[in-house]
Amino acid sequence: MKNLIMISGQRHSGKTTVTNIIKRILNEHKVSNINIALAEPIKQIGNMIANDNINLWSDDNGKKEYVERLGMTRRDFMMKFGTDFMHKFNENVWCEIAYERMVNRPRKVYIIEDVRMKHEYDYFASRANEFNNVISIKTIGNPANFDDIAIDHKSENQIDLIHSTIEFNTEDYDKQPIADYLLLTFKDLEIIT
């Protein structure tokens, strides 16, 4: 019994927060799971070129830092290389890599923590027959947190095109209602007992 959870949302909207809540619930109920980031291979490639600390590629401040060797910030590299360049050749390349990870790492629940474009959602939704349940969660945060023009990039402006079965406003400080709702949902879907 395999289950797929896709999480979408603009940056700073709470995707990581919701992923961590899901993982906590699943781990507390001893449900095997893995979270997969579509952006992970992009970060690894960028880190190899920049020859710096891989953790800086996931840190909000680290993403904003200009890296001399790249000639741009880490975030700009992820958008320009990961989306603008690679999508010219194969827009599903990062989805295919994530899917291979899923096939090679059997788990009860797969969490894709950064579905940000319509074709990414479509790629995994087209495989819905391989899963008992497919849940699409959209996180809605505060766009005031955006501090540059990246909001105009297609990795930020296709979120509304993605179908979601659940939406969370993650601006609220209290995350317990999100955890409670997910717990009930997972019980209803028999993901946890």
N, C-alpha and C. Protein backbone atom coordinates (compact mmCIF):
# COMPACT_ATOMS: atom_id res chain seq x y z
N MET A 1 0.84 -1.19 0.00
CA MET A 1 0.00 0.00 0.00
C MET A 1 0.88 1.24 0.00
N LYS A 2 0.96 1.93 -1.16
CA LYS A 2 1.76 3.14 -1.29
C LYS A 2 0.84 4.35 -1.31
N ASN A 3 1.32 5.42 -0.73
CA ASN A 3 0.57 6.67 -0.68
C ASN A 3 1.49 7.80 -1.10
N LEU A 4 0.93 8.76 -1.80
CA LEU A 4 1.71 9.89 -2.28
C LEU A 4 1.10 11.18 -1.74
N ILE A 5 1.96 12.02 -1.17
CA ILE A 5 1.55 13.34 -0.70
C ILE A 5 2.40 14.37 -1.44
N MET A 6 1.74 15.24 -2.19
CA MET A 6 2.44 16.32 -2.89
C MET A 6 2.15 17.63 -2.17
N ILE A 7 3.18 18.40 -1.93
CA ILE A 7 3.03 19.68 -1.25
C ILE A 7 3.45 20.79 -2.20
N SER A 8 2.56 21.75 -2.40
CA SER A 8 2.86 22.87 -3.28
C SER A 8 2.67 24.18 -2.51
N GLY A 9 3.28 25.21 -3.03
CA GLY A 9 3.18 26.53 -2.42
C GLY A 9 4.38 27.37 -2.81
N GLN A 10 4.18 28.68 -2.78
CA GLN A 10 5.30 29.56 -3.09
C GLN A 10 6.33 29.48 -1.97
N ARG A 11 7.49 30.05 -2.23
CA ARG A 11 8.51 30.02 -1.19
C ARG A 11 8.03 30.81 0.02
N HIS A 12 8.48 30.38 1.17
CA HIS A 12 8.08 30.97 2.46
C HIS A 12 6.60 30.76 2.77
N SER A 13 5.97 29.77 2.13
CA SER A 13 4.54 29.56 2.38
C SER A 13 4.28 28.46 3.40
N GLY A 14 5.33 27.77 3.84
CA GLY A 14 5.15 26.75 4.87
C GLY A 14 5.24 25.31 4.38
N LYS A 15 5.79 25.09 3.18
CA LYS A 15 5.92 23.72 2.67
C LYS A 15 6.77 22.86 3.60
N THR A 16 7.89 23.37 4.05
CA THR A 16 8.76 22.62 4.96
C THR A 16 8.08 22.38 6.29
N THR A 17 7.36 23.38 6.79
CA THR A 17 6.62 23.23 8.05
C THR A 17 5.62 22.09 7.94
N VAL A 18 4.83 22.07 6.87
CA VAL A 18 3.83 21.02 6.69
C VAL A 18 4.51 19.66 6.49
N THR A 19 5.59 19.64 5.73
CA THR A 19 6.34 18.38 5.56
C THR A 19 6.80 17.85 6.90
N ASN A 20 7.33 18.71 7.75
CA ASN A 20 7.80 18.27 9.07
C ASN A 20 6.66 17.77 9.95
N ILE A 21 5.49 18.40 9.86
CA ILE A 21 4.33 17.93 10.62
C ILE A 21 3.92 16.54 10.14
N ILE A 22 3.87 16.37 8.83
CA ILE A 22 3.50 15.06 8.26
C ILE A 22 4.49 13.99 8.71
N LYS A 23 5.77 14.28 8.59
CA LYS A 23 6.79 13.29 8.99
C LYS A 23 6.67 12.95 10.47
N ARG A 24 6.42 13.95 11.30
CA ARG A 24 6.27 13.69 12.74
C ARG A 24 5.10 12.74 13.00
N ILE A 25 3.96 13.01 12.36
CA ILE A 25 2.78 12.16 12.55
C ILE A 25 3.08 10.73 12.07
N LEU A 26 3.64 10.61 10.89
CA LEU A 26 3.93 9.28 10.34
C LEU A 26 4.95 8.53 11.19
N ASN A 27 5.99 9.23 11.62
CA ASN A 27 7.01 8.58 12.45
C ASN A 27 6.45 8.15 13.80
N GLU A 28 5.58 8.98 14.40
CA GLU A 28 4.96 8.62 15.68
C GLU A 28 4.11 7.35 15.55
N HIS A 29 3.56 7.12 14.35
CA HIS A 29 2.73 5.94 14.10
C HIS A 29 3.51 4.84 13.38
N LYS A 30 4.83 5.01 13.34
CA LYS A 30 5.74 4.01 12.76
C LYS A 30 5.36 3.64 11.32
N VAL A 31 5.04 4.67 10.54
CA VAL A 31 4.71 4.49 9.13
C VAL A 31 5.95 4.85 8.32
N SER A 32 6.43 3.92 7.51
CA SER A 32 7.64 4.18 6.73
C SER A 32 7.34 5.28 5.71
N ASN A 33 8.25 6.24 5.63
CA ASN A 33 8.05 7.38 4.75
C ASN A 33 9.37 7.96 4.31
N ILE A 34 9.31 8.70 3.24
CA ILE A 34 10.49 9.42 2.76
C ILE A 34 10.01 10.72 2.14
N ASN A 35 10.71 11.82 2.44
CA ASN A 35 10.39 13.05 1.72
C ASN A 35 11.43 13.27 0.65
N ILE A 36 10.93 13.67 -0.49
CA ILE A 36 11.75 13.84 -1.68
C ILE A 36 11.57 15.28 -2.16
N ALA A 37 12.67 15.96 -2.37
CA ALA A 37 12.63 17.33 -2.89
C ALA A 37 13.02 17.31 -4.37
N LEU A 38 12.14 17.84 -5.21
CA LEU A 38 12.47 17.92 -6.63
C LEU A 38 13.72 18.77 -6.84
N ALA A 39 13.93 19.74 -5.97
CA ALA A 39 15.07 20.65 -6.11
C ALA A 39 16.39 20.06 -5.61
N GLU A 40 16.35 18.91 -4.94
CA GLU A 40 17.59 18.36 -4.35
C GLU A 40 18.71 18.15 -5.37
N PRO A 41 18.45 17.52 -6.54
CA PRO A 41 19.55 17.35 -7.50
C PRO A 41 20.10 18.69 -8.01
N ILE A 42 19.23 19.69 -8.11
CA ILE A 42 19.68 21.01 -8.55
C ILE A 42 20.64 21.59 -7.52
N LYS A 43 20.29 21.46 -6.25
CA LYS A 43 21.15 21.94 -5.17
C LYS A 43 22.49 21.21 -5.17
N GLN A 44 22.45 19.91 -5.42
CA GLN A 44 23.69 19.12 -5.43
C GLN A 44 24.59 19.54 -6.58
N ILE A 45 24.01 19.77 -7.74
CA ILE A 45 24.80 20.21 -8.90
C ILE A 45 25.38 21.60 -8.63
N GLY A 46 24.55 22.51 -8.14
CA GLY A 46 25.01 23.85 -7.82
C GLY A 46 26.11 23.84 -6.79
N ASN A 47 25.94 23.01 -5.77
CA ASN A 47 26.94 22.91 -4.72
C ASN A 47 28.26 22.37 -5.27
N MET A 48 28.18 21.41 -6.19
CA MET A 48 29.38 20.86 -6.79
C MET A 48 30.13 21.94 -7.57
N ILE A 49 29.41 22.77 -8.29
CA ILE A 49 30.03 23.85 -9.05
C ILE A 49 30.58 24.93 -8.10
N ALA A 50 29.77 25.33 -7.12
CA ALA A 50 30.17 26.39 -6.19
C ALA A 50 31.24 25.94 -5.21
N ASN A 51 31.30 24.62 -4.98
CA ASN A 51 32.27 24.05 -4.05
C ASN A 51 32.13 24.69 -2.66
N ASP A 52 30.87 24.69 -2.17
CA ASP A 52 30.66 25.26 -0.85
C ASP A 52 29.80 24.32 0.00
N ASN A 53 29.20 24.82 1.05
CA ASN A 53 28.46 24.01 2.03
C ASN A 53 27.06 23.70 1.50
N ILE A 54 26.71 22.42 1.35
CA ILE A 54 25.42 22.01 0.82
C ILE A 54 24.26 22.56 1.64
N ASN A 55 24.45 22.75 2.92
CA ASN A 55 23.37 23.28 3.78
C ASN A 55 22.96 24.70 3.40
N LEU A 56 23.87 25.46 2.79
CA LEU A 56 23.55 26.82 2.38
C LEU A 56 22.49 26.84 1.27
N TRP A 57 22.35 25.74 0.55
CA TRP A 57 21.40 25.65 -0.56
C TRP A 57 19.96 25.47 -0.07
N SER A 58 19.78 25.10 1.19
CA SER A 58 18.44 24.93 1.76
C SER A 58 18.10 26.03 2.76
N ASP A 59 19.07 26.83 3.11
CA ASP A 59 18.89 27.90 4.09
C ASP A 59 18.43 29.17 3.37
N ASP A 60 17.38 29.82 3.90
CA ASP A 60 16.85 31.03 3.25
C ASP A 60 17.92 32.09 3.04
N ASN A 61 18.73 32.34 4.06
CA ASN A 61 19.80 33.34 3.91
C ASN A 61 20.87 32.85 2.95
N GLY A 62 21.20 31.56 3.02
CA GLY A 62 22.19 31.00 2.11
C GLY A 62 21.76 31.11 0.65
N LYS A 63 20.48 30.92 0.39
CA LYS A 63 19.96 31.01 -0.99
C LYS A 63 20.11 32.43 -1.54
N LYS A 64 20.10 33.43 -0.66
CA LYS A 64 20.18 34.83 -1.08
C LYS A 64 21.61 35.29 -1.32
N GLU A 65 22.59 34.51 -0.83
CA GLU A 65 23.99 34.92 -0.94
C GLU A 65 24.48 34.83 -2.39
N TYR A 66 25.19 35.85 -2.80
CA TYR A 66 25.85 35.85 -4.11
C TYR A 66 27.07 34.94 -4.02
N VAL A 67 27.20 34.04 -5.00
CA VAL A 67 28.32 33.10 -5.04
C VAL A 67 29.17 33.45 -6.27
N GLU A 68 30.37 33.92 -6.01
CA GLU A 68 31.26 34.40 -7.08
C GLU A 68 31.41 33.38 -8.20
N ARG A 69 31.64 32.14 -7.83
CA ARG A 69 31.89 31.10 -8.83
C ARG A 69 30.68 30.86 -9.73
N LEU A 70 29.47 31.08 -9.20
CA LEU A 70 28.25 30.92 -9.99
C LEU A 70 27.91 32.19 -10.76
N GLY A 71 28.37 33.33 -10.24
CA GLY A 71 28.03 34.61 -10.85
C GLY A 71 26.60 35.04 -10.54
N MET A 72 26.04 34.46 -9.48
CA MET A 72 24.66 34.78 -9.09
C MET A 72 24.41 34.20 -7.71
N THR A 73 23.22 34.44 -7.18
CA THR A 73 22.86 33.84 -5.89
C THR A 73 22.52 32.37 -6.10
N ARG A 74 22.51 31.62 -5.02
CA ARG A 74 22.12 30.21 -5.11
C ARG A 74 20.68 30.07 -5.61
N ARG A 75 19.77 30.91 -5.12
CA ARG A 75 18.38 30.85 -5.57
C ARG A 75 18.29 31.12 -7.07
N ASP A 76 19.00 32.13 -7.55
CA ASP A 76 18.99 32.42 -8.98
C ASP A 76 19.51 31.23 -9.78
N PHE A 77 20.56 30.58 -9.28
CA PHE A 77 21.09 29.41 -9.97
C PHE A 77 20.02 28.32 -10.05
N MET A 78 19.34 28.06 -8.92
CA MET A 78 18.33 27.00 -8.92
C MET A 78 17.23 27.30 -9.93
N MET A 79 16.82 28.57 -10.04
CA MET A 79 15.76 28.92 -10.99
C MET A 79 16.27 28.89 -12.43
N LYS A 80 17.44 29.47 -12.64
CA LYS A 80 17.95 29.57 -14.02
C LYS A 80 18.42 28.23 -14.56
N PHE A 81 19.13 27.46 -13.75
CA PHE A 81 19.61 26.16 -14.21
C PHE A 81 18.49 25.12 -14.13
N GLY A 82 17.87 25.02 -12.96
CA GLY A 82 16.89 23.97 -12.73
C GLY A 82 15.63 24.09 -13.57
N THR A 83 15.22 25.32 -13.83
CA THR A 83 13.98 25.53 -14.59
C THR A 83 14.27 26.07 -15.98
N ASP A 84 14.83 27.25 -16.05
CA ASP A 84 14.99 27.92 -17.34
C ASP A 84 15.85 27.12 -18.32
N PHE A 85 16.96 26.57 -17.85
CA PHE A 85 17.86 25.83 -18.74
C PHE A 85 17.40 24.38 -18.96
N MET A 86 17.24 23.63 -17.89
CA MET A 86 16.94 22.20 -18.03
C MET A 86 15.58 21.93 -18.67
N HIS A 87 14.62 22.79 -18.45
CA HIS A 87 13.29 22.56 -19.02
C HIS A 87 13.27 22.70 -20.53
N LYS A 88 14.31 23.33 -21.10
CA LYS A 88 14.41 23.41 -22.56
C LYS A 88 14.64 22.02 -23.15
N PHE A 89 15.23 21.13 -22.37
CA PHE A 89 15.56 19.80 -22.85
C PHE A 89 14.56 18.74 -22.38
N ASN A 90 14.16 18.84 -21.11
CA ASN A 90 13.23 17.87 -20.54
C ASN A 90 12.61 18.49 -19.30
N GLU A 91 11.39 19.00 -19.41
CA GLU A 91 10.79 19.69 -18.27
C GLU A 91 10.49 18.75 -17.12
N ASN A 92 10.47 17.47 -17.36
CA ASN A 92 10.17 16.51 -16.29
C ASN A 92 11.41 15.85 -15.69
N VAL A 93 12.58 16.35 -16.02
CA VAL A 93 13.82 15.69 -15.57
C VAL A 93 13.85 15.53 -14.05
N TRP A 94 13.47 16.56 -13.30
CA TRP A 94 13.54 16.47 -11.83
C TRP A 94 12.45 15.54 -11.30
N CYS A 95 11.31 15.49 -11.98
CA CYS A 95 10.25 14.55 -11.60
C CYS A 95 10.70 13.12 -11.84
N GLU A 96 11.36 12.89 -12.96
CA GLU A 96 11.84 11.54 -13.29
C GLU A 96 12.87 11.07 -12.26
N ILE A 97 13.76 11.96 -11.87
CA ILE A 97 14.75 11.60 -10.85
C ILE A 97 14.06 11.28 -9.53
N ALA A 98 13.08 12.10 -9.14
CA ALA A 98 12.33 11.84 -7.90
C ALA A 98 11.58 10.52 -7.99
N TYR A 99 10.97 10.24 -9.11
CA TYR A 99 10.23 8.99 -9.28
C TYR A 99 11.17 7.78 -9.16
N GLU A 100 12.35 7.88 -9.75
CA GLU A 100 13.34 6.80 -9.62
C GLU A 100 13.70 6.58 -8.16
N ARG A 101 13.83 7.64 -7.40
CA ARG A 101 14.11 7.50 -5.96
C ARG A 101 12.98 6.78 -5.26
N MET A 102 11.75 7.06 -5.67
CA MET A 102 10.60 6.40 -5.07
C MET A 102 10.61 4.91 -5.38
N VAL A 103 10.87 4.58 -6.62
CA VAL A 103 10.90 3.17 -7.04
C VAL A 103 12.01 2.42 -6.31
N ASN A 104 13.13 3.07 -6.11
CA ASN A 104 14.29 2.42 -5.49
C ASN A 104 14.27 2.44 -3.96
N ARG A 105 13.33 3.14 -3.37
CA ARG A 105 13.23 3.22 -1.90
C ARG A 105 11.79 2.94 -1.47
N PRO A 106 11.40 1.67 -1.43
CA PRO A 106 10.01 1.35 -1.07
C PRO A 106 9.63 1.88 0.32
N ARG A 107 8.54 2.62 0.36
CA ARG A 107 7.99 3.16 1.59
C ARG A 107 6.47 3.11 1.50
N LYS A 108 5.82 3.28 2.63
CA LYS A 108 4.36 3.35 2.63
C LYS A 108 3.88 4.73 2.18
N VAL A 109 4.64 5.78 2.53
CA VAL A 109 4.26 7.14 2.17
C VAL A 109 5.45 7.87 1.54
N TYR A 110 5.18 8.49 0.41
CA TYR A 110 6.17 9.33 -0.27
C TYR A 110 5.66 10.77 -0.20
N ILE A 111 6.53 11.66 0.28
CA ILE A 111 6.17 13.06 0.40
C ILE A 111 7.04 13.85 -0.58
N ILE A 112 6.43 14.45 -1.56
CA ILE A 112 7.17 15.33 -2.46
C ILE A 112 6.93 16.74 -1.96
N GLU A 113 7.97 17.33 -1.42
CA GLU A 113 7.81 18.55 -0.62
C GLU A 113 7.85 19.85 -1.40
N ASP A 114 8.02 19.79 -2.72
CA ASP A 114 8.16 21.05 -3.46
C ASP A 114 7.62 20.97 -4.89
N VAL A 115 6.36 20.58 -5.02
CA VAL A 115 5.69 20.58 -6.32
C VAL A 115 5.24 22.02 -6.57
N ARG A 116 5.89 22.68 -7.52
CA ARG A 116 5.64 24.11 -7.69
C ARG A 116 5.13 24.48 -9.08
N MET A 117 5.16 23.54 -10.00
CA MET A 117 4.70 23.85 -11.35
C MET A 117 3.67 22.83 -11.80
N LYS A 118 2.78 23.28 -12.68
CA LYS A 118 1.67 22.44 -13.13
C LYS A 118 2.17 21.13 -13.73
N HIS A 119 3.21 21.16 -14.56
CA HIS A 119 3.67 19.92 -15.18
C HIS A 119 4.23 18.94 -14.14
N GLU A 120 4.76 19.45 -13.02
CA GLU A 120 5.23 18.56 -11.95
C GLU A 120 4.05 17.84 -11.31
N TYR A 121 3.00 18.61 -11.02
CA TYR A 121 1.78 18.00 -10.47
C TYR A 121 1.24 16.96 -11.45
N ASP A 122 1.13 17.34 -12.72
CA ASP A 122 0.58 16.44 -13.74
C ASP A 122 1.40 15.15 -13.86
N TYR A 123 2.72 15.27 -13.77
CA TYR A 123 3.59 14.10 -13.87
C TYR A 123 3.22 13.06 -12.81
N PHE A 124 3.10 13.49 -11.57
CA PHE A 124 2.80 12.55 -10.49
C PHE A 124 1.32 12.17 -10.47
N ALA A 125 0.43 13.10 -10.79
CA ALA A 125 -1.00 12.78 -10.83
C ALA A 125 -1.28 11.72 -11.90
N SER A 126 -0.51 11.72 -12.97
CA SER A 126 -0.71 10.73 -14.03
C SER A 126 -0.33 9.32 -13.57
N ARG A 127 0.33 9.21 -12.44
CA ARG A 127 0.72 7.92 -11.88
C ARG A 127 -0.15 7.55 -10.67
N ALA A 128 -1.27 8.20 -10.54
CA ALA A 128 -2.15 8.00 -9.37
C ALA A 128 -2.57 6.54 -9.21
N ASN A 129 -2.68 5.81 -10.31
CA ASN A 129 -3.09 4.40 -10.21
C ASN A 129 -2.05 3.52 -9.53
N GLU A 130 -0.85 4.03 -9.31
CA GLU A 130 0.20 3.28 -8.62
C GLU A 130 0.12 3.44 -7.10
N PHE A 131 -0.80 4.29 -6.64
CA PHE A 131 -0.89 4.61 -5.21
C PHE A 131 -2.30 4.36 -4.70
N ASN A 132 -2.38 3.99 -3.44
CA ASN A 132 -3.69 3.84 -2.81
C ASN A 132 -4.35 5.20 -2.63
N ASN A 133 -3.56 6.18 -2.21
CA ASN A 133 -4.07 7.53 -2.00
C ASN A 133 -3.07 8.53 -2.58
N VAL A 134 -3.62 9.57 -3.19
CA VAL A 134 -2.80 10.70 -3.64
C VAL A 134 -3.42 11.94 -3.02
N ILE A 135 -2.62 12.64 -2.23
CA ILE A 135 -3.08 13.84 -1.53
C ILE A 135 -2.24 15.01 -2.03
N SER A 136 -2.90 16.08 -2.42
CA SER A 136 -2.20 17.28 -2.85
C SER A 136 -2.51 18.40 -1.86
N ILE A 137 -1.48 18.88 -1.20
CA ILE A 137 -1.62 19.92 -0.17
C ILE A 137 -1.01 21.22 -0.69
N LYS A 138 -1.78 22.30 -0.60
CA LYS A 138 -1.26 23.61 -0.98
C LYS A 138 -1.08 24.43 0.29
N THR A 139 0.10 25.01 0.45
CA THR A 139 0.36 25.90 1.58
C THR A 139 0.24 27.34 1.12
N ILE A 140 -0.39 28.13 1.95
CA ILE A 140 -0.58 29.54 1.62
C ILE A 140 0.06 30.35 2.73
N GLY A 141 1.08 31.09 2.38
CA GLY A 141 1.80 31.90 3.37
C GLY A 141 1.63 33.37 3.07
N ASN A 142 2.61 34.13 3.50
CA ASN A 142 2.56 35.58 3.37
C ASN A 142 3.47 36.04 2.24
N PRO A 143 2.90 36.48 1.09
CA PRO A 143 3.76 36.93 -0.01
C PRO A 143 4.61 38.13 0.34
N ALA A 144 4.31 38.81 1.44
CA ALA A 144 5.14 39.94 1.87
C ALA A 144 6.55 39.47 2.22
N ASN A 145 6.71 38.16 2.43
CA ASN A 145 8.04 37.62 2.73
C ASN A 145 8.96 37.62 1.52
N PHE A 146 8.42 37.86 0.33
CA PHE A 146 9.25 37.86 -0.87
C PHE A 146 10.04 39.15 -0.92
N ASP A 147 11.32 39.03 -1.17
CA ASP A 147 12.17 40.21 -1.11
C ASP A 147 12.86 40.52 -2.43
N ASP A 148 12.48 39.84 -3.49
CA ASP A 148 13.10 40.13 -4.78
C ASP A 148 12.13 39.80 -5.90
N ILE A 149 12.60 39.88 -7.12
CA ILE A 149 11.72 39.69 -8.28
C ILE A 149 11.45 38.23 -8.58
N ALA A 150 11.99 37.32 -7.80
CA ALA A 150 11.80 35.90 -8.07
C ALA A 150 10.33 35.49 -8.09
N ILE A 151 9.46 36.28 -7.50
CA ILE A 151 8.04 35.93 -7.48
C ILE A 151 7.47 35.88 -8.90
N ASP A 152 8.11 36.55 -9.84
CA ASP A 152 7.67 36.53 -11.23
C ASP A 152 8.15 35.30 -11.99
N HIS A 153 9.01 34.51 -11.39
CA HIS A 153 9.53 33.31 -12.04
C HIS A 153 8.45 32.25 -12.10
N LYS A 154 8.47 31.42 -13.16
CA LYS A 154 7.40 30.43 -13.30
C LYS A 154 7.39 29.40 -12.18
N SER A 155 8.49 29.25 -11.46
CA SER A 155 8.49 28.33 -10.32
C SER A 155 7.70 28.90 -9.14
N GLU A 156 7.34 30.18 -9.22
CA GLU A 156 6.56 30.82 -8.16
C GLU A 156 5.13 31.14 -8.60
N ASN A 157 4.91 31.31 -9.90
CA ASN A 157 3.60 31.81 -10.31
C ASN A 157 2.67 30.77 -10.93
N GLN A 158 3.01 29.48 -10.83
CA GLN A 158 2.12 28.43 -11.34
C GLN A 158 1.36 27.71 -10.22
N ILE A 159 1.56 28.14 -8.99
CA ILE A 159 0.95 27.44 -7.85
C ILE A 159 -0.57 27.37 -7.99
N ASP A 160 -1.19 28.44 -8.47
CA ASP A 160 -2.66 28.44 -8.57
C ASP A 160 -3.18 27.48 -9.64
N LEU A 161 -2.31 26.99 -10.51
CA LEU A 161 -2.72 26.03 -11.54
C LEU A 161 -2.72 24.59 -11.03
N ILE A 162 -2.19 24.39 -9.83
CA ILE A 162 -2.07 23.05 -9.26
C ILE A 162 -3.32 22.71 -8.45
N HIS A 163 -3.93 21.59 -8.78
CA HIS A 163 -5.10 21.12 -8.04
C HIS A 163 -4.66 20.68 -6.64
N SER A 164 -5.43 21.07 -5.64
CA SER A 164 -5.11 20.63 -4.28
C SER A 164 -6.35 20.05 -3.62
N THR A 165 -6.15 19.00 -2.84
CA THR A 165 -7.25 18.40 -2.09
C THR A 165 -7.36 19.03 -0.71
N ILE A 166 -6.26 19.62 -0.23
CA ILE A 166 -6.22 20.27 1.08
C ILE A 166 -5.44 21.57 0.94
N GLU A 167 -5.92 22.63 1.58
CA GLU A 167 -5.17 23.89 1.61
C GLU A 167 -5.01 24.32 3.06
N PHE A 168 -3.79 24.78 3.38
CA PHE A 168 -3.50 25.28 4.71
C PHE A 168 -2.95 26.69 4.63
N ASN A 169 -3.49 27.58 5.46
CA ASN A 169 -2.89 28.89 5.63
C ASN A 169 -1.89 28.74 6.77
N THR A 170 -0.62 28.78 6.45
CA THR A 170 0.43 28.51 7.44
C THR A 170 0.90 29.77 8.14
N GLU A 171 0.23 30.90 7.93
CA GLU A 171 0.61 32.13 8.63
C GLU A 171 0.30 32.07 10.11
N ASP A 172 -0.70 31.28 10.47
CA ASP A 172 -1.06 31.16 11.89
C ASP A 172 0.10 30.56 12.67
N TYR A 173 0.34 31.12 13.83
CA TYR A 173 1.45 30.64 14.66
C TYR A 173 1.17 29.22 15.15
N ASP A 174 -0.07 28.93 15.50
CA ASP A 174 -0.43 27.64 16.05
C ASP A 174 -0.61 26.62 14.92
N LYS A 175 0.29 25.64 14.85
CA LYS A 175 0.24 24.63 13.80
C LYS A 175 -0.53 23.38 14.24
N GLN A 176 -1.00 23.35 15.48
CA GLN A 176 -1.70 22.17 15.98
C GLN A 176 -2.95 21.84 15.16
N PRO A 177 -3.76 22.82 14.74
CA PRO A 177 -4.92 22.47 13.91
C PRO A 177 -4.53 21.76 12.61
N ILE A 178 -3.40 22.13 12.03
CA ILE A 178 -2.92 21.46 10.82
C ILE A 178 -2.59 20.01 11.15
N ALA A 179 -1.86 19.80 12.23
CA ALA A 179 -1.49 18.44 12.65
C ALA A 179 -2.74 17.61 12.95
N ASP A 180 -3.70 18.20 13.65
CA ASP A 180 -4.94 17.48 13.99
C ASP A 180 -5.70 17.07 12.73
N TYR A 181 -5.80 17.98 11.78
CA TYR A 181 -6.52 17.70 10.54
C TYR A 181 -5.82 16.58 9.76
N LEU A 182 -4.50 16.68 9.65
CA LEU A 182 -3.76 15.64 8.93
C LEU A 182 -3.88 14.29 9.61
N LEU A 183 -3.82 14.26 10.93
CA LEU A 183 -3.96 13.01 11.67
C LEU A 183 -5.30 12.36 11.35
N LEU A 184 -6.38 13.13 11.40
CA LEU A 184 -7.70 12.59 11.07
C LEU A 184 -7.78 12.12 9.63
N THR A 185 -7.22 12.90 8.72
CA THR A 185 -7.21 12.54 7.30
C THR A 185 -6.47 11.23 7.08
N PHE A 186 -5.30 11.10 7.70
CA PHE A 186 -4.51 9.87 7.53
C PHE A 186 -5.22 8.67 8.12
N LYS A 187 -5.95 8.86 9.22
CA LYS A 187 -6.73 7.76 9.80
C LYS A 187 -7.89 7.39 8.88
N ASP A 188 -8.59 8.39 8.35
CA ASP A 188 -9.71 8.12 7.44
C ASP A 188 -9.26 7.36 6.20
N LEU A 189 -8.08 7.68 5.71
CA LEU A 189 -7.55 7.04 4.50
C LEU A 189 -6.81 5.74 4.82
N GLU A 190 -6.77 5.38 6.09
CA GLU A 190 -6.09 4.17 6.57
C GLU A 190 -4.60 4.16 6.26
N ILE A 191 -4.02 5.38 6.22
CA ILE A 191 -2.57 5.49 6.10
C ILE A 191 -1.93 5.15 7.44
N ILE A 192 -2.64 5.57 8.51
CA ILE A 192 -2.22 5.18 9.86
C ILE A 192 -3.42 4.53 10.54
N THR A 193 -3.10 3.72 11.55
CA THR A 193 -4.20 3.05 12.28
C THR A 193 -4.22 3.51 13.73
